[in-house]
Amino acid sequence: MIDIHCHIMPGVDDGSKNLEESLAIFENAATSGITDIILTPHYIKGTRYQYDNENKEKLAEILREALRRAELDINVYIGNEIYIDESVPKLLDEHKIATLAGSRYILIELPVNSEFHSAPELIFKLISSDFIPVIAHPERYIYFQKHPEKVDRYIELGCLMQGNYMSLLGKYGKKAKSTLKYLLQERKIDLLASDIHHSYHEYRLPEAEKKVLRIVRDKDLVQKLFIENPEKIIKNQEI
């Protein structure tokens, strides 16, 4: 698997608290067969979650060195999970926030409880600037749970959809689970990722892959969701 959404960068958001915890997560990732990880700490304007690109790259290099010493063969890239805000285009221009592994793809988080009505307009601006928005965990947003057809507007604009596979294992409740199942059945999910935060969470990848296969009944699609499409992001190729 290639994981494009996680919170393993230590001490910068609500994920891993320190290098020791990050390494414990990486060990679990390696055991689970994960070969590449994009580190996507939260970037939320006006909060303490505003770690800029220069500092992220320095911290990523510390992690790479720690991985080498631990003999863990995982490639590490930087990115962000960016909470949608009118300032996102400017922050991208100023190189304050990161696309996924330096590609055109950008991981966008929407509000969980209520719709951000300017979101489609802002998404259109990003696409017009040659970025490809990837909407993080659509199954977790209450308005998509109530009206999953609302996902279509974002897809029609040109967004991709990244589901958290742990939703299928019940981590985020019954509604998130049923919404992700529906979106997978309707072929509206383009990528699956862990969104892992802490060392007491496990990847549970084999279990998740079996569940996804039972839902989509297509081994090639499972391969695309977990490996091929994430690899295209790292290579900055079209999905």
Protein backbone atom coordinates (compact mmCIF):
# COMPACT_ATOMS: atom_id res chain seq x y z
CA MET A 1 0.00 0.00 0.00
CA ILE A 2 0.93 3.64 -0.52
CA ASP A 3 -0.56 5.82 2.22
CA ILE A 4 -1.34 9.37 1.10
CA HIS A 5 -3.03 10.58 4.30
CA CYS A 6 -1.63 10.25 7.81
CA HIS A 7 -0.56 12.24 10.85
CA ILE A 8 2.82 10.70 11.67
CA MET A 9 4.92 13.87 11.63
CA PRO A 10 5.77 14.25 15.33
CA GLY A 11 4.57 17.12 17.47
CA VAL A 12 2.94 19.30 14.80
CA ASP A 13 -0.79 18.48 15.05
CA ASP A 14 -3.18 16.06 16.78
CA GLY A 15 -1.23 13.03 15.57
CA SER A 16 2.06 11.52 16.69
CA LYS A 17 3.42 13.29 19.75
CA ASN A 18 7.13 12.55 19.34
CA LEU A 19 9.73 10.73 17.25
CA GLU A 20 9.39 7.55 19.30
CA GLU A 21 5.67 7.32 18.57
CA SER A 22 6.27 8.10 14.88
CA LEU A 23 8.76 5.25 14.62
CA ALA A 24 6.31 2.86 16.30
CA ILE A 25 3.73 3.76 13.64
CA PHE A 26 6.30 3.33 10.87
CA GLU A 27 7.19 -0.11 12.23
CA ASN A 28 3.54 -1.09 12.07
CA ALA A 29 3.35 0.34 8.55
CA ALA A 30 6.37 -1.67 7.38
CA THR A 31 4.93 -4.85 8.89
CA SER A 32 1.68 -4.13 7.05
CA GLY A 33 3.48 -3.91 3.71
CA ILE A 34 3.33 -0.15 3.27
CA THR A 35 6.14 1.09 1.04
CA ASP A 36 5.47 4.83 0.69
CA ILE A 37 3.88 7.41 2.98
CA ILE A 38 2.95 11.03 2.39
CA LEU A 39 3.01 12.93 5.68
CA THR A 40 -0.05 15.16 5.78
CA PRO A 41 -0.19 17.21 9.00
CA HIS A 42 -3.20 19.45 9.41
CA TYR A 43 -2.93 23.03 8.21
CA ILE A 44 -5.74 25.08 9.73
CA LYS A 45 -5.37 28.84 9.49
CA GLY A 46 -5.74 30.67 12.79
CA THR A 47 -4.81 27.64 14.89
CA ARG A 48 -1.56 26.14 16.15
CA TYR A 49 -1.67 23.74 13.18
CA GLN A 50 0.31 25.95 10.81
CA TYR A 51 3.65 24.18 10.34
CA ASP A 52 5.18 25.63 7.16
CA ASN A 53 6.90 23.77 4.33
CA GLU A 54 10.47 24.62 5.30
CA ASN A 55 10.02 23.18 8.79
CA LYS A 56 8.08 20.18 7.48
CA GLU A 57 10.94 19.29 5.16
CA LYS A 58 13.47 19.54 8.00
CA LEU A 59 11.34 17.28 10.17
CA ALA A 60 10.78 14.85 7.29
CA GLU A 61 14.55 14.52 6.88
CA ILE A 62 14.88 13.70 10.58
CA LEU A 63 12.28 10.98 10.07
CA ARG A 64 14.08 9.63 6.99
CA GLU A 65 17.30 9.36 8.95
CA ALA A 66 15.50 7.63 11.83
CA LEU A 67 13.98 5.18 9.33
CA ARG A 68 17.41 4.43 7.88
CA ARG A 69 18.82 3.72 11.34
CA ALA A 70 15.86 1.50 12.17
CA GLU A 71 16.27 -0.29 8.81
CA LEU A 72 12.69 0.44 7.84
CA ASP A 73 12.35 0.59 4.06
CA ILE A 74 9.63 3.23 3.66
CA ASN A 75 9.80 6.24 1.35
CA VAL A 76 8.61 9.47 2.98
CA TYR A 77 7.16 12.55 1.27
CA ILE A 78 5.59 15.74 2.60
CA GLY A 79 2.12 17.12 2.10
CA ASN A 80 -0.70 18.64 4.13
CA GLU A 81 -4.31 18.02 5.00
CA ILE A 82 -5.49 21.56 4.36
CA TYR A 83 -8.68 22.79 5.98
CA ILE A 84 -10.58 24.69 3.32
CA ASP A 85 -10.29 28.45 3.64
CA GLU A 86 -10.29 31.47 1.34
CA SER A 87 -6.54 31.86 1.97
CA VAL A 88 -5.58 28.48 0.47
CA PRO A 89 -4.63 29.81 -3.02
CA LYS A 90 -2.42 32.49 -1.47
CA LEU A 91 -0.79 30.01 0.90
CA LEU A 92 0.01 27.76 -2.05
CA ASP A 93 1.51 30.67 -3.98
CA GLU A 94 3.66 31.55 -0.98
CA HIS A 95 4.75 27.89 -0.57
CA LYS A 96 3.46 27.85 3.01
CA ILE A 97 1.43 24.69 2.46
CA ALA A 98 2.34 21.54 0.59
CA THR A 99 0.74 19.61 -2.22
CA LEU A 100 0.96 15.83 -2.01
CA ALA A 101 4.59 14.80 -2.62
CA GLY A 102 5.19 17.95 -4.68
CA SER A 103 2.52 16.98 -7.22
CA ARG A 104 -0.48 18.87 -8.58
CA TYR A 105 -2.67 17.00 -6.10
CA ILE A 106 -3.74 18.78 -2.91
CA LEU A 107 -5.51 17.15 0.05
CA ILE A 108 -8.47 19.27 1.18
CA GLU A 109 -10.49 18.84 4.36
CA LEU A 110 -14.04 20.18 4.51
CA PRO A 111 -15.96 21.10 7.68
CA VAL A 112 -17.44 18.02 9.35
CA ASN A 113 -20.74 19.37 10.64
CA SER A 114 -21.89 22.12 8.28
CA GLU A 115 -21.26 22.92 4.65
CA PHE A 116 -18.81 25.62 3.62
CA HIS A 117 -20.94 27.17 0.90
CA SER A 118 -18.02 28.88 -0.83
CA ALA A 119 -16.19 25.56 -1.15
CA PRO A 120 -17.17 24.81 -4.79
CA GLU A 121 -16.09 28.30 -5.88
CA LEU A 122 -12.77 27.95 -4.07
CA ILE A 123 -12.28 24.45 -5.49
CA PHE A 124 -12.86 25.87 -8.98
CA LYS A 125 -10.14 28.49 -8.38
CA LEU A 126 -7.69 25.78 -7.36
CA ILE A 127 -8.50 23.69 -10.43
CA SER A 128 -8.16 26.77 -12.64
CA SER A 129 -4.66 27.17 -11.19
CA ASP A 130 -3.82 23.61 -12.31
CA PHE A 131 -4.22 21.91 -8.92
CA ILE A 132 -6.24 18.73 -8.46
CA PRO A 133 -8.14 18.77 -5.15
CA VAL A 134 -8.45 15.47 -3.29
CA ILE A 135 -11.31 15.63 -0.80
CA ALA A 136 -10.31 13.87 2.42
CA HIS A 137 -12.72 11.30 3.93
CA PRO A 138 -16.04 12.45 2.36
CA GLU A 139 -17.85 9.73 4.33
CA ARG A 140 -17.20 11.62 7.58
CA TYR A 141 -19.02 14.83 6.62
CA ILE A 142 -22.54 14.90 8.04
CA TYR A 143 -24.07 16.63 4.99
CA PHE A 144 -22.64 13.92 2.70
CA GLN A 145 -23.92 11.24 5.07
CA LYS A 146 -27.43 12.73 4.81
CA HIS A 147 -27.19 13.53 1.10
CA PRO A 148 -24.41 11.47 -0.54
CA GLU A 149 -25.44 12.81 -3.94
CA LYS A 150 -23.84 16.13 -2.90
CA VAL A 151 -20.48 14.48 -3.54
CA ASP A 152 -21.33 14.61 -7.26
CA ARG A 153 -20.91 18.39 -7.46
CA TYR A 154 -17.30 18.11 -6.30
CA ILE A 155 -16.60 15.20 -8.64
CA GLU A 156 -18.08 17.14 -11.57
CA LEU A 157 -15.77 20.07 -10.75
CA GLY A 158 -12.78 17.73 -11.04
CA CYS A 159 -12.10 16.63 -7.46
CA LEU A 160 -10.98 13.18 -6.43
CA MET A 161 -12.36 11.44 -3.35
CA GLN A 162 -10.13 9.82 -0.70
CA GLY A 163 -11.90 7.53 1.73
CA ASN A 164 -10.54 6.47 5.13
CA TYR A 165 -10.62 2.68 4.92
CA MET A 166 -10.89 2.52 8.72
CA SER A 167 -14.42 3.87 8.29
CA LEU A 168 -15.33 0.42 6.96
CA LEU A 169 -14.02 -1.11 10.19
CA GLY A 170 -16.29 1.09 12.31
CA LYS A 171 -13.79 3.66 13.55
CA TYR A 172 -15.98 6.67 12.75
CA GLY A 173 -19.41 5.20 13.43
CA LYS A 174 -22.20 3.52 11.51
CA LYS A 175 -23.06 6.47 9.26
CA ALA A 176 -19.49 6.93 8.05
CA LYS A 177 -19.25 3.19 7.44
CA SER A 178 -22.46 3.01 5.41
CA THR A 179 -21.62 6.20 3.48
CA LEU A 180 -18.19 4.94 2.43
CA LYS A 181 -19.68 1.59 1.46
CA TYR A 182 -22.23 3.38 -0.74
CA LEU A 183 -19.60 5.62 -2.33
CA LEU A 184 -17.41 2.62 -3.10
CA GLN A 185 -20.34 0.74 -4.64
CA GLU A 186 -21.12 3.78 -6.78
CA ARG A 187 -17.44 4.02 -7.87
CA LYS A 188 -17.12 7.53 -6.41
CA ILE A 189 -14.00 6.84 -4.32
CA ASP A 190 -10.63 7.20 -6.07
CA LEU A 191 -8.20 6.43 -3.24
CA LEU A 192 -8.18 4.82 0.18
CA ALA A 193 -5.81 5.86 2.99
CA SER A 194 -5.30 5.29 6.69
CA ASP A 195 -5.55 8.78 8.26
CA ILE A 196 -3.60 7.13 11.10
CA HIS A 197 -2.77 9.37 14.08
CA HIS A 198 -1.27 7.33 16.92
CA SER A 199 0.76 4.23 17.70
CA TYR A 200 -2.18 2.62 19.51
CA HIS A 201 -3.99 2.58 16.15
CA GLU A 202 -3.12 -0.26 13.79
CA TYR A 203 -3.24 -0.28 10.02
CA ARG A 204 -5.44 -3.43 9.83
CA LEU A 205 -4.74 -3.43 6.11
CA PRO A 206 -5.48 -7.09 5.21
CA GLU A 207 -8.84 -6.85 6.97
CA ALA A 208 -9.68 -3.61 5.16
CA GLU A 209 -8.68 -4.97 1.74
CA LYS A 210 -10.97 -7.96 2.22
CA LYS A 211 -13.86 -5.69 3.16
CA VAL A 212 -13.30 -3.45 0.15
CA LEU A 213 -13.15 -6.47 -2.16
CA ARG A 214 -16.46 -7.75 -0.78
CA ILE A 215 -18.00 -4.35 -1.50
CA VAL A 216 -16.64 -3.62 -4.99
CA ARG A 217 -16.14 -7.24 -6.18
CA ASP A 218 -13.25 -6.17 -8.38
CA LYS A 219 -9.63 -7.05 -7.52
CA ASP A 220 -8.26 -4.56 -10.05
CA LEU A 221 -10.24 -1.75 -8.45
CA VAL A 222 -8.93 -2.67 -5.00
CA GLN A 223 -5.40 -2.46 -6.43
CA LYS A 224 -6.15 0.97 -7.87
CA LEU A 225 -7.61 2.31 -4.61
CA PHE A 226 -4.73 1.17 -2.39
CA ILE A 227 -1.71 1.23 -4.69
CA GLU A 228 -2.03 2.37 -8.31
CA ASN A 229 -3.82 5.68 -7.85
CA PRO A 230 -1.72 6.70 -4.82
CA GLU A 231 1.39 5.88 -6.86
CA LYS A 232 0.11 8.14 -9.64
CA ILE A 233 -0.11 10.98 -7.13
CA ILE A 234 3.51 10.49 -6.09
CA LYS A 235 4.55 10.39 -9.77
CA ASN A 236 2.30 13.38 -10.54
CA GLN A 237 0.45 11.38 -13.18
CA GLU A 238 -3.17 11.67 -14.25
CA ILE A 239 -5.72 9.55 -12.38
